[in-house]
Structures are given as C-alpha cells and as structure tokens.
C-alpha cells in the first residue's frame, strides 16, 4: 500500500510542480499516468491470481476451496513488496 501511495503522490506532486505560465496544471498528463498505474495494478493482480491458482493446483490443492480472505491477505503481502 505504501508503494502505491508513493506512486500516486509522485504523480500528483509532479503535476502540481509543473503548472504552465498561465497557472494551468497538466491534469491530462496526471490522469493518463494515474490510469496507467491502475491498469498496471490490475494486470499484476490478474497475473498473481493466475500464478496462485496454478501453484495451488501443482501442490494438489483446489484453489476454489481456499478461503478468499486468506488469498487476499497473501496477495497483499506478495504485491506490496
């Protein structure tokens, strides 16, 4: 979570530090970077979920029987690095 917050803060700070001579902030650039950040997080989460399910199957476990909060907790640990 701290990693995500730092990325968001960097994007917003960059926008606020780069207003043009008329005082207009480059919001379209910031929005594009934020959209890319969200898209990247979705792709990473989908990839993690696929790998988690495949690993479970390789160990002989059925991923459908895994408690969802346990899986989400593990995803949060693994993806927050």
C-alpha atoms as a PDB file:
ATOM      1  CA  UNK A   1       0.000   0.000   0.000  1.00  0.00           C
ATOM      2  CA  UNK A   2       2.828   2.409   0.808  1.00  0.00           C
ATOM      3  CA  UNK A   3       4.301   1.711  -2.624  1.00  0.00           C
ATOM      4  CA  UNK A   4       1.006   2.655  -4.292  1.00  0.00           C
ATOM      5  CA  UNK A   5       0.615   5.784  -2.197  1.00  0.00           C
ATOM      6  CA  UNK A   6       4.157   6.889  -3.057  1.00  0.00           C
ATOM      7  CA  UNK A   7       3.483   6.459  -6.781  1.00  0.00           C
ATOM      8  CA  UNK A   8       0.234   8.429  -6.537  1.00  0.00           C
ATOM      9  CA  UNK A   9       1.930  11.192  -4.533  1.00  0.00           C
ATOM     10  CA  UNK A  10       4.717  11.409  -7.099  1.00  0.00           C
ATOM     11  CA  UNK A  11       2.245  11.790  -9.960  1.00  0.00           C
ATOM     12  CA  UNK A  12       0.232  14.474  -8.143  1.00  0.00           C
ATOM     13  CA  UNK A  13       3.366  16.291  -6.976  1.00  0.00           C
ATOM     14  CA  UNK A  14       4.766  16.314 -10.489  1.00  0.00           C
ATOM     15  CA  UNK A  15       1.511  17.808 -11.744  1.00  0.00           C
ATOM     16  CA  UNK A  16       1.435  20.487  -9.046  1.00  0.00           C
ATOM     17  CA  UNK A  17       5.083  21.397  -9.610  1.00  0.00           C
ATOM     18  CA  UNK A  18       4.687  21.918 -13.354  1.00  0.00           C
ATOM     19  CA  UNK A  19       1.938  24.437 -13.964  1.00  0.00           C
ATOM     20  CA  UNK A  20       2.343  26.428 -17.145  1.00  0.00           C
ATOM     21  CA  UNK A  21       2.815  30.198 -17.369  1.00  0.00           C
ATOM     22  CA  UNK A  22      -0.952  30.704 -17.179  1.00  0.00           C
ATOM     23  CA  UNK A  23      -1.158  28.756 -13.928  1.00  0.00           C
ATOM     24  CA  UNK A  24      -2.789  25.702 -15.534  1.00  0.00           C
ATOM     25  CA  UNK A  25      -1.772  22.327 -14.143  1.00  0.00           C
ATOM     26  CA  UNK A  26      -1.088  19.446 -16.566  1.00  0.00           C
ATOM     27  CA  UNK A  27      -4.060  17.412 -15.363  1.00  0.00           C
ATOM     28  CA  UNK A  28      -4.406  15.373 -18.569  1.00  0.00           C
ATOM     29  CA  UNK A  29      -0.845  14.095 -18.119  1.00  0.00           C
ATOM     30  CA  UNK A  30      -1.520  13.253 -14.464  1.00  0.00           C
ATOM     31  CA  UNK A  31      -4.781  11.490 -15.341  1.00  0.00           C
ATOM     32  CA  UNK A  32      -3.012   9.446 -18.021  1.00  0.00           C
ATOM     33  CA  UNK A  33      -0.295   8.407 -15.545  1.00  0.00           C
ATOM     34  CA  UNK A  34      -2.907   7.520 -12.895  1.00  0.00           C
ATOM     35  CA  UNK A  35      -4.869   5.475 -15.438  1.00  0.00           C
ATOM     36  CA  UNK A  36      -1.666   3.628 -16.363  1.00  0.00           C
ATOM     37  CA  UNK A  37      -0.973   2.975 -12.671  1.00  0.00           C
ATOM     38  CA  UNK A  38      -4.448   1.455 -12.184  1.00  0.00           C
ATOM     39  CA  UNK A  39      -4.159  -0.591 -15.377  1.00  0.00           C
ATOM     40  CA  UNK A  40      -0.749  -1.910 -14.293  1.00  0.00           C
ATOM     41  CA  UNK A  41      -2.129  -2.855 -10.871  1.00  0.00           C
ATOM     42  CA  UNK A  42      -4.997  -4.773 -12.489  1.00  0.00           C
ATOM     43  CA  UNK A  43      -2.646  -6.653 -14.793  1.00  0.00           C
ATOM     44  CA  UNK A  44      -0.339  -7.505 -11.891  1.00  0.00           C
ATOM     45  CA  UNK A  45      -3.274  -8.714  -9.768  1.00  0.00           C
ATOM     46  CA  UNK A  46      -4.644 -10.911 -12.548  1.00  0.00           C
ATOM     47  CA  UNK A  47      -1.199 -12.408 -13.140  1.00  0.00           C
ATOM     48  CA  UNK A  48      -0.721 -13.031  -9.417  1.00  0.00           C
ATOM     49  CA  UNK A  49      -4.128 -14.736  -9.170  1.00  0.00           C
ATOM     50  CA  UNK A  50      -3.366 -16.994 -12.116  1.00  0.00           C
ATOM     51  CA  UNK A  51       0.024 -17.964 -10.656  1.00  0.00           C
ATOM     52  CA  UNK A  52      -1.513 -18.541  -7.215  1.00  0.00           C
ATOM     53  CA  UNK A  53      -4.175 -20.867  -8.631  1.00  0.00           C
ATOM     54  CA  UNK A  54      -1.657 -22.761 -10.761  1.00  0.00           C
ATOM     55  CA  UNK A  55       0.674 -23.182  -7.767  1.00  0.00           C
ATOM     56  CA  UNK A  56      -2.215 -24.440  -5.661  1.00  0.00           C
ATOM     57  CA  UNK A  57      -3.115 -26.980  -8.315  1.00  0.00           C
ATOM     58  CA  UNK A  58       0.537 -28.069  -8.625  1.00  0.00           C
ATOM     59  CA  UNK A  59       0.564 -28.752  -4.865  1.00  0.00           C
ATOM     60  CA  UNK A  60      -2.592 -30.843  -5.205  1.00  0.00           C
ATOM     61  CA  UNK A  61      -4.915 -28.224  -3.694  1.00  0.00           C
ATOM     62  CA  UNK A  62      -8.129 -26.942  -5.190  1.00  0.00           C
ATOM     63  CA  UNK A  63      -7.936 -23.119  -5.345  1.00  0.00           C
ATOM     64  CA  UNK A  64     -11.735 -22.947  -5.270  1.00  0.00           C
ATOM     65  CA  UNK A  65     -11.630 -24.230  -1.689  1.00  0.00           C
ATOM     66  CA  UNK A  66      -9.173 -21.612  -0.410  1.00  0.00           C
ATOM     67  CA  UNK A  67     -10.658 -19.055   1.942  1.00  0.00           C
ATOM     68  CA  UNK A  68     -10.896 -15.769  -0.030  1.00  0.00           C
ATOM     69  CA  UNK A  69      -9.681 -13.532   2.841  1.00  0.00           C
ATOM     70  CA  UNK A  70      -6.601 -15.771   3.193  1.00  0.00           C
ATOM     71  CA  UNK A  71      -5.887 -15.475  -0.528  1.00  0.00           C
ATOM     72  CA  UNK A  72      -6.400 -11.692  -0.453  1.00  0.00           C
ATOM     73  CA  UNK A  73      -4.089 -11.407   2.538  1.00  0.00           C
ATOM     74  CA  UNK A  74      -1.384 -13.341   0.689  1.00  0.00           C
ATOM     75  CA  UNK A  75      -1.890 -11.208  -2.423  1.00  0.00           C
ATOM     76  CA  UNK A  76      -1.497  -8.064  -0.348  1.00  0.00           C
ATOM     77  CA  UNK A  77       1.764  -9.392   1.129  1.00  0.00           C
ATOM     78  CA  UNK A  78       3.167 -10.532  -2.204  1.00  0.00           C
ATOM     79  CA  UNK A  79       2.159  -7.494  -4.245  1.00  0.00           C
ATOM     80  CA  UNK A  80       3.126  -4.866  -1.660  1.00  0.00           C
ATOM     81  CA  UNK A  81       6.822  -5.628  -1.974  1.00  0.00           C
END
